[in-house]
């Protein structure tokens, strides 16, 4: 019977670094999301352009996380980046279609930012399935935020605590997993 594999010290450092990168990306994307919601609530057009820019930020963040996974041997770098490039280019195409609908008079300016936010939420959630649950949590946060903005006037009092809870939960869960791994060594 073979001995179960344990994490070497290098694996432990690598896992810790991966956790730190994922956590930093999560916090950064949540901050950008909160800023975007604030911008969108003041100006729908400015919100539209902000969310367009955020598609690139989210896409690059996803590629950064993908690179950390690929370095660990989970995926081939080229394959992962090709899939993610197609994923995020598709998001840009759909958002361009939303902009076309806005100019055609089929959407109102006030709702366009929320529609783009929902598209970004879905894209982030789906990419998180491939990259890790923290990235999916950002997608869930964006979807909840879009619905909250549509229904609650003082929405910031709901979404800021939600963002803090998500960050606290991911830190707690990461530390719990690390502790469990160290006990198994």
Protein backbone atom coordinates (compact mmCIF):
# COMPACT_ATOMS: atom_id res chain seq x y z
CA UNK A 1 0.00 0.00 0.00
CA UNK A 2 1.43 3.38 -0.92
CA UNK A 3 1.84 6.24 1.49
CA UNK A 4 -0.66 9.10 0.99
CA UNK A 5 0.82 12.16 -0.64
CA UNK A 6 1.45 15.10 1.63
CA UNK A 7 2.19 18.70 0.81
CA UNK A 8 5.86 19.53 0.66
CA UNK A 9 6.98 22.87 2.12
CA UNK A 10 7.12 24.25 -1.44
CA UNK A 11 3.53 23.13 -2.07
CA UNK A 12 2.42 24.84 1.15
CA UNK A 13 4.09 28.10 0.11
CA UNK A 14 2.59 27.77 -3.37
CA UNK A 15 -0.90 27.17 -1.94
CA UNK A 16 -0.50 30.14 0.39
CA UNK A 17 0.60 32.38 -2.48
CA UNK A 18 -2.31 31.15 -4.63
CA UNK A 19 -4.71 31.94 -1.79
CA UNK A 20 -3.22 35.42 -1.39
CA UNK A 21 -3.49 36.16 -5.13
CA UNK A 22 -7.07 34.89 -5.29
CA UNK A 23 -8.04 36.88 -2.18
CA UNK A 24 -6.40 40.06 -3.49
CA UNK A 25 -8.21 39.69 -6.83
CA UNK A 26 -11.51 39.07 -5.02
CA UNK A 27 -11.14 42.19 -2.86
CA UNK A 28 -10.04 44.34 -5.79
CA UNK A 29 -12.96 43.22 -7.96
CA UNK A 30 -15.43 43.79 -5.13
CA UNK A 31 -14.07 47.33 -4.62
CA UNK A 32 -14.30 48.03 -8.36
CA UNK A 33 -17.85 46.65 -8.33
CA UNK A 34 -18.90 48.89 -5.45
CA UNK A 35 -17.41 51.90 -7.25
CA UNK A 36 -19.25 50.93 -10.43
CA UNK A 37 -22.57 50.67 -8.68
CA UNK A 38 -22.04 54.14 -7.22
CA UNK A 39 -21.13 55.56 -10.64
CA UNK A 40 -24.08 53.85 -12.32
CA UNK A 41 -26.50 55.22 -9.72
CA UNK A 42 -25.40 58.78 -10.54
CA UNK A 43 -25.12 58.50 -14.32
CA UNK A 44 -26.35 55.62 -16.46
CA UNK A 45 -24.09 56.55 -19.38
CA UNK A 46 -21.00 56.89 -17.18
CA UNK A 47 -22.00 53.58 -15.60
CA UNK A 48 -22.17 51.96 -19.02
CA UNK A 49 -18.64 53.07 -19.90
CA UNK A 50 -17.37 52.08 -16.46
CA UNK A 51 -18.74 48.56 -16.80
CA UNK A 52 -17.30 48.33 -20.32
CA UNK A 53 -13.87 49.11 -18.87
CA UNK A 54 -14.47 46.62 -16.05
CA UNK A 55 -14.98 43.83 -18.56
CA UNK A 56 -11.32 44.23 -19.47
CA UNK A 57 -10.30 44.42 -15.81
CA UNK A 58 -12.31 41.32 -14.94
CA UNK A 59 -11.00 39.49 -18.01
CA UNK A 60 -7.38 40.33 -17.18
CA UNK A 61 -7.98 39.33 -13.56
CA UNK A 62 -9.37 36.01 -14.74
CA UNK A 63 -6.31 35.51 -16.92
CA UNK A 64 -4.04 36.30 -13.96
CA UNK A 65 -5.81 33.69 -11.87
CA UNK A 66 -5.67 31.29 -14.80
CA UNK A 67 -1.92 31.84 -15.03
CA UNK A 68 -1.46 30.99 -11.35
CA UNK A 69 -3.41 27.79 -11.90
CA UNK A 70 -1.48 26.96 -15.05
CA UNK A 71 1.83 27.45 -13.21
CA UNK A 72 0.64 24.82 -10.76
CA UNK A 73 0.07 22.40 -13.61
CA UNK A 74 -3.73 22.40 -13.49
CA UNK A 75 -4.07 23.63 -17.06
CA UNK A 76 -1.91 24.34 -20.05
CA UNK A 77 -1.24 28.08 -20.27
CA UNK A 78 -2.07 28.47 -23.96
CA UNK A 79 -5.26 26.46 -23.74
CA UNK A 80 -6.46 28.32 -20.66
CA UNK A 81 -5.72 31.74 -22.10
CA UNK A 82 -7.32 30.86 -25.43
CA UNK A 83 -10.51 29.74 -23.71
CA UNK A 84 -10.56 32.79 -21.46
CA UNK A 85 -9.86 35.15 -24.36
CA UNK A 86 -12.81 33.71 -26.26
CA UNK A 87 -14.97 33.90 -23.13
CA UNK A 88 -14.24 37.57 -22.46
CA UNK A 89 -14.35 38.57 -26.15
CA UNK A 90 -17.82 37.03 -26.21
CA UNK A 91 -18.77 39.18 -23.22
CA UNK A 92 -17.54 42.29 -25.05
CA UNK A 93 -19.60 41.30 -28.10
CA UNK A 94 -22.77 40.86 -26.03
CA UNK A 95 -22.22 44.18 -24.27
CA UNK A 96 -21.74 45.79 -27.69
CA UNK A 97 -25.11 44.31 -28.68
CA UNK A 98 -26.66 45.85 -25.55
CA UNK A 99 -25.20 49.22 -26.57
CA UNK A 100 -26.73 48.72 -30.02
CA UNK A 101 -30.12 48.06 -28.42
CA UNK A 102 -29.74 51.23 -26.37
CA UNK A 103 -29.07 53.30 -29.49
CA UNK A 104 -31.98 51.63 -31.29
CA UNK A 105 -34.29 52.77 -28.49
CA UNK A 106 -35.04 49.25 -27.28
CA UNK A 107 -33.44 49.84 -23.86
CA UNK A 108 -33.60 52.82 -21.56
CA UNK A 109 -30.41 54.48 -20.33
CA UNK A 110 -31.25 53.70 -16.70
CA UNK A 111 -31.51 49.96 -17.30
CA UNK A 112 -28.53 49.57 -19.63
CA UNK A 113 -25.96 49.71 -16.83
CA UNK A 114 -27.86 47.05 -14.88
CA UNK A 115 -28.12 44.79 -17.93
CA UNK A 116 -24.37 45.08 -18.47
CA UNK A 117 -23.83 44.40 -14.78
CA UNK A 118 -25.89 41.19 -15.09
CA UNK A 119 -23.90 40.14 -18.17
CA UNK A 120 -20.68 40.73 -16.25
CA UNK A 121 -22.12 38.83 -13.28
CA UNK A 122 -22.88 35.78 -15.42
CA UNK A 123 -19.53 35.91 -17.22
CA UNK A 124 -17.66 36.19 -13.92
CA UNK A 125 -19.65 33.40 -12.30
CA UNK A 126 -19.12 31.05 -15.25
CA UNK A 127 -15.41 31.82 -15.47
CA UNK A 128 -15.21 31.21 -11.73
CA UNK A 129 -16.38 27.65 -12.29
CA UNK A 130 -13.17 27.13 -14.23
CA UNK A 131 -10.90 29.29 -12.05
CA UNK A 132 -12.12 28.87 -8.50
CA UNK A 133 -15.05 29.56 -6.26
CA UNK A 134 -13.81 33.01 -5.16
CA UNK A 135 -14.16 34.33 -8.70
CA UNK A 136 -17.66 32.83 -8.85
CA UNK A 137 -18.48 34.63 -5.59
CA UNK A 138 -17.76 37.94 -7.32
CA UNK A 139 -20.26 36.97 -10.02
CA UNK A 140 -22.88 36.12 -7.40
CA UNK A 141 -22.17 39.45 -5.68
CA UNK A 142 -22.64 41.33 -8.97
CA UNK A 143 -25.96 39.60 -9.65
CA UNK A 144 -27.26 40.30 -6.15
CA UNK A 145 -26.08 43.89 -6.52
CA UNK A 146 -27.97 44.39 -9.80
CA UNK A 147 -31.20 43.07 -8.29
CA UNK A 148 -30.69 45.09 -5.10
CA UNK A 149 -30.08 48.31 -7.04
CA UNK A 150 -33.29 47.74 -8.98
CA UNK A 151 -35.42 47.23 -5.86
CA UNK A 152 -33.91 49.19 -2.97
CA UNK A 153 -33.29 52.93 -2.97
CA UNK A 154 -30.59 52.88 -0.28
CA UNK A 155 -28.83 49.90 -1.83
CA UNK A 156 -25.31 50.74 -0.60
CA UNK A 157 -26.38 49.82 2.95
CA UNK A 158 -27.07 46.33 1.64
CA UNK A 159 -24.22 45.70 -0.79
CA UNK A 160 -21.30 47.06 1.26
CA UNK A 161 -21.99 44.69 4.20
CA UNK A 162 -22.52 41.88 1.69
CA UNK A 163 -19.09 42.56 0.17
CA UNK A 164 -17.53 42.54 3.64
CA UNK A 165 -19.24 39.25 4.49
CA UNK A 166 -17.96 37.69 1.25
CA UNK A 167 -14.39 38.80 1.99
CA UNK A 168 -14.58 37.62 5.61
CA UNK A 169 -16.05 34.27 4.56
CA UNK A 170 -13.39 33.63 1.93
CA UNK A 171 -10.58 34.50 4.36
CA UNK A 172 -12.11 32.25 7.02
CA UNK A 173 -12.63 29.39 4.58
CA UNK A 174 -9.11 29.71 3.18
CA UNK A 175 -7.55 29.63 6.63
CA UNK A 176 -9.74 26.70 7.62
CA UNK A 177 -8.62 24.71 4.56
CA UNK A 178 -4.97 25.59 5.22
CA UNK A 179 -5.29 24.44 8.84
CA UNK A 180 -6.90 21.19 7.75
CA UNK A 181 -4.11 20.58 5.23
CA UNK A 182 -1.42 21.25 7.86
CA UNK A 183 -3.09 18.81 10.28
CA UNK A 184 -3.02 16.10 7.60
CA UNK A 185 0.73 16.47 7.07
